[in-house]
Structure formats: C-alpha cells, structure tokens
Protein backbone atom coordinates (compact mmCIF):
# COMPACT_ATOMS: atom_id res chain seq x y z
CA MET A 1 141.50 67.90 129.45
CA HIS A 2 141.82 70.36 132.29
CA PRO A 3 139.60 73.48 132.04
CA THR A 4 142.62 75.81 131.78
CA GLN A 5 144.00 73.72 128.91
CA GLU A 6 140.59 73.75 127.26
CA GLN A 7 140.49 77.53 127.58
CA ALA A 8 144.01 77.86 126.10
CA PHE A 9 142.98 75.69 123.16
CA ALA A 10 139.81 77.76 122.63
CA VAL A 11 141.86 80.96 122.56
CA TYR A 12 144.35 79.47 120.07
CA PHE A 13 141.51 78.18 117.91
CA ALA A 14 139.77 81.57 117.86
CA ASP A 15 143.01 83.37 116.99
CA ARG A 16 144.23 81.01 114.25
CA GLN A 17 141.06 79.58 112.69
CA ASP A 18 140.97 81.95 109.71
CA ALA A 19 144.70 81.67 108.96
CA VAL A 20 144.61 77.86 109.05
CA ARG A 21 141.53 77.80 106.81
CA ARG A 22 143.19 80.20 104.35
CA SER A 23 146.34 78.04 104.20
CA ALA A 24 144.23 74.94 103.65
CA TYR A 25 142.39 76.69 100.81
CA LEU A 26 145.66 77.62 99.13
CA LEU A 27 146.75 73.99 99.35
CA CYS A 28 143.56 72.36 98.09
CA GLY A 29 141.83 75.13 96.10
CA ASP A 30 138.32 74.54 97.48
CA TRP A 31 136.77 76.41 100.42
CA HIS A 32 134.56 73.47 101.42
CA ARG A 33 137.49 71.09 101.45
CA ALA A 34 139.59 73.72 103.24
CA ASP A 35 136.98 73.81 106.01
CA ASP A 36 137.23 70.02 106.34
CA VAL A 37 141.04 70.12 106.36
CA ALA A 38 141.15 72.89 108.97
CA GLN A 39 138.63 71.06 111.13
CA THR A 40 140.61 67.82 110.90
CA ALA A 41 143.83 69.64 111.81
CA PHE A 42 142.23 71.33 114.83
CA VAL A 43 140.74 68.02 116.00
CA LYS A 44 144.21 66.46 115.82
CA LEU A 45 145.62 69.39 117.77
CA HIS A 46 142.88 69.11 120.40
CA ARG A 47 143.65 65.42 120.87
CA SER A 48 147.36 66.20 121.31
CA TRP A 49 147.02 69.46 123.25
CA ASP A 50 148.20 68.09 126.61
CA ARG A 51 151.24 66.47 124.96
CA VAL A 52 152.40 69.65 123.20
CA ARG A 53 155.29 70.94 125.27
CA ASP A 54 156.23 74.03 123.28
CA LYS A 55 153.08 76.11 122.84
CA GLY A 56 155.17 78.63 120.87
CA ALA A 57 155.56 76.06 118.09
CA LEU A 58 151.82 75.52 117.60
CA ASP A 59 151.75 77.40 114.29
CA ALA A 60 154.50 75.17 112.88
CA TRP A 61 152.68 72.08 114.21
CA MET A 62 149.45 73.21 112.55
CA ARG A 63 151.17 73.99 109.22
CA ARG A 64 152.68 70.52 109.17
CA THR A 65 149.37 68.92 110.10
CA VAL A 66 147.42 70.85 107.46
CA VAL A 67 149.91 69.87 104.75
CA ARG A 68 149.78 66.23 105.81
CA VAL A 69 145.98 66.20 105.86
CA VAL A 70 145.78 67.74 102.37
CA VAL A 71 148.34 65.31 100.94
CA ASP A 72 146.65 62.32 102.64
CA GLU A 73 143.23 63.41 101.36
CA SER A 74 144.55 63.79 97.82
CA ARG A 75 145.70 60.17 97.86
CA ARG A 76 142.28 58.80 98.72
CA PRO A 77 140.33 57.44 95.76
CA TRP A 78 137.12 59.36 96.50
CA ARG A 79 139.12 62.61 96.25
CA ARG A 80 140.06 61.98 92.62
CA GLU A 81 137.48 64.35 91.28
CA ARG A 82 137.71 66.31 88.06
CA SER A 83 137.43 70.07 87.94
CA THR A 84 134.73 71.57 85.77
CA GLU A 85 134.45 74.95 84.13
CA VAL A 86 130.98 75.58 85.58
CA LEU A 87 130.60 75.48 89.35
CA PRO A 88 127.35 74.04 90.72
CA GLU A 89 127.10 76.82 93.28
CA PRO A 90 128.79 80.19 93.76
CA VAL A 91 131.98 80.18 95.82
CA VAL A 92 131.78 82.50 98.80
CA ASP A 93 135.09 84.29 99.21
CA THR A 94 135.83 85.81 102.63
CA VAL A 95 138.87 87.69 101.34
CA ASP A 96 138.83 91.47 100.98
CA PRO A 97 137.23 92.38 97.60
CA GLY A 98 140.23 94.56 96.75
CA GLU A 99 142.39 91.44 96.64
CA ALA A 100 140.07 89.55 94.32
CA MET A 101 141.75 90.72 91.15
CA GLY A 102 142.22 88.82 87.91
CA THR A 103 145.84 88.02 88.68
CA ARG A 104 144.90 86.41 91.97
CA GLU A 105 142.34 84.18 90.30
CA LEU A 106 144.80 83.30 87.57
CA VAL A 107 147.45 82.27 90.09
CA LEU A 108 144.95 80.23 92.11
CA ALA A 109 143.83 78.46 88.93
CA GLY A 110 147.46 77.77 88.12
CA LEU A 111 148.09 76.44 91.65
CA ARG A 112 145.27 73.93 91.19
CA LYS A 113 147.24 72.42 88.29
CA VAL A 114 150.37 71.89 90.41
CA PRO A 115 150.69 68.43 92.05
CA PRO A 116 149.81 68.39 95.79
CA ARG A 117 153.34 67.97 97.17
CA GLN A 118 154.75 70.74 94.97
CA ARG A 119 151.74 72.93 95.77
CA ALA A 120 152.40 72.40 99.49
CA VAL A 121 156.00 73.53 99.05
CA LEU A 122 154.98 76.61 97.06
CA VAL A 123 152.31 77.63 99.56
CA LEU A 124 154.60 77.16 102.56
CA ARG A 125 157.54 78.94 100.92
CA PHE A 126 155.82 81.84 99.19
CA ILE A 127 152.41 82.31 100.82
CA GLU A 128 153.27 81.36 104.40
CA ASP A 129 156.74 82.94 103.94
CA GLN A 130 158.61 79.97 105.43
CA ASP A 131 162.29 79.38 104.81
CA VAL A 132 163.65 76.15 103.33
CA ALA A 133 164.42 74.61 106.73
CA SER A 134 160.94 75.31 108.14
CA THR A 135 159.28 73.97 105.01
CA ALA A 136 161.39 70.82 105.17
CA ALA A 137 160.44 70.33 108.82
CA ALA A 138 156.73 70.84 108.06
CA LEU A 139 156.81 68.34 105.21
CA GLY A 140 159.12 65.86 106.91
CA CYS A 141 161.68 65.86 104.10
CA SER A 142 165.18 67.16 103.38
CA GLU A 143 166.01 70.72 102.44
CA GLY A 144 167.24 69.48 99.06
CA THR A 145 163.82 67.97 98.41
CA VAL A 146 162.18 71.29 99.25
CA LYS A 147 164.49 73.08 96.82
CA SER A 148 163.87 70.63 93.99
CA GLN A 149 160.10 70.57 94.63
CA THR A 150 160.12 74.38 94.65
CA ALA A 151 161.87 74.50 91.29
CA ARG A 152 159.55 71.88 89.79
CA GLY A 153 156.46 73.50 91.29
CA LEU A 154 157.39 76.94 89.96
CA SER A 155 158.07 75.42 86.54
CA THR A 156 154.69 73.66 86.56
CA LEU A 157 152.95 76.84 87.73
CA ARG A 158 154.63 78.92 85.00
CA ALA A 159 153.61 76.37 82.36
CA ALA A 160 150.03 76.39 83.65
CA LEU A 161 149.93 80.19 83.58
CA GLU A 162 151.40 80.32 80.07
CA THR A 163 148.83 77.85 78.75
CA ASP A 164 146.07 80.02 80.21
CA GLY A 165 147.26 82.83 77.94
CA GLU A 166 149.19 84.80 80.50
CA VAL A 167 152.96 84.89 80.51
CA VAL A 168 154.31 85.53 83.98
CA GLY A 169 157.75 87.08 84.32
CA ARG A 170 160.53 84.87 85.55
CA GLY A 171 162.24 86.85 88.24
C-alpha cells in the first residue's frame, strides 16, 4: 500500500475505532468479542483499502462488515457459549457513567436474548439510526426482510424485557 493510502487508513481508523467497537458491542453483547469483531473488520478494510473507490461510503462498508463478522462468528460452534449470571471478571465500560443507568443495562440484557440477525437489524435501525434501505444494503437482504426482522426482533426484545420484570411501553 502506498504511504499516502496508509496514512488515510490510519486517520480513518483513529476517527472511527470507538464507534465501530461500540456497534460491535451492541451486536454481540461482549466487549472482548467486540474488540475481536472490530479488529477483524478493520483488517478486512485494510486489505481492501486500495480497491475502495468511494471513501465517503466507508462507514456503510464497515457497518456491513461488522454485521457480517458478528453473524459469521455466531454460527461457529466454538461461539455457542452459555451466558452465566456471575461474570468471571468485571466488565470495563468505556461509556460515560451518566449513561450507565438501569434501563440501559436492562435493554442490553434484553438485546442479548434476541437472535443475531434480528439483533443486527435492531442495532442498525435504532442505535445506528439507519433507514430500512441502508439496513437492507448492510445486511444484503430485501427491505421487506428488514421490516419483518425488525418486527420480530422488537417482539422478542419486548418479551425478554417483560420476563425480566419490566414492562416496556409499546409506542
């Protein structure tokens, strides 16, 4: 890779590293796994950097790559781990302490109970604030699939939140 391209990649990496890691965390629910997913996505981008024609579409390319990496990882047999109530080590959260409220934790716990594909749709639509068309492009599916997966994902999330003792308004 040419030094100017390497510099452009380094600038993009520095600017977007935290956002990509945060999106990966919302998709997989584990900071350690999110680090691995973000690293894998950036490695894929680095390998393809000279072939990317539209540098303005890098965020969309990274969103799609992160979603694909998370879904691919969830299909691998060694990723079929069970969650436990007691964590072996404390989770270090880099988010502002003001945001770490009970509702946030409740929603994140509920998201962990949503299947990976539906979780990807929910994160892209409501956390990343993508429209139906952008979400469909990132996931490589039709807009109708995004709509149905959104409805199913929201239903699953509501059910998970209701079983945890909290009833979330449907609005």
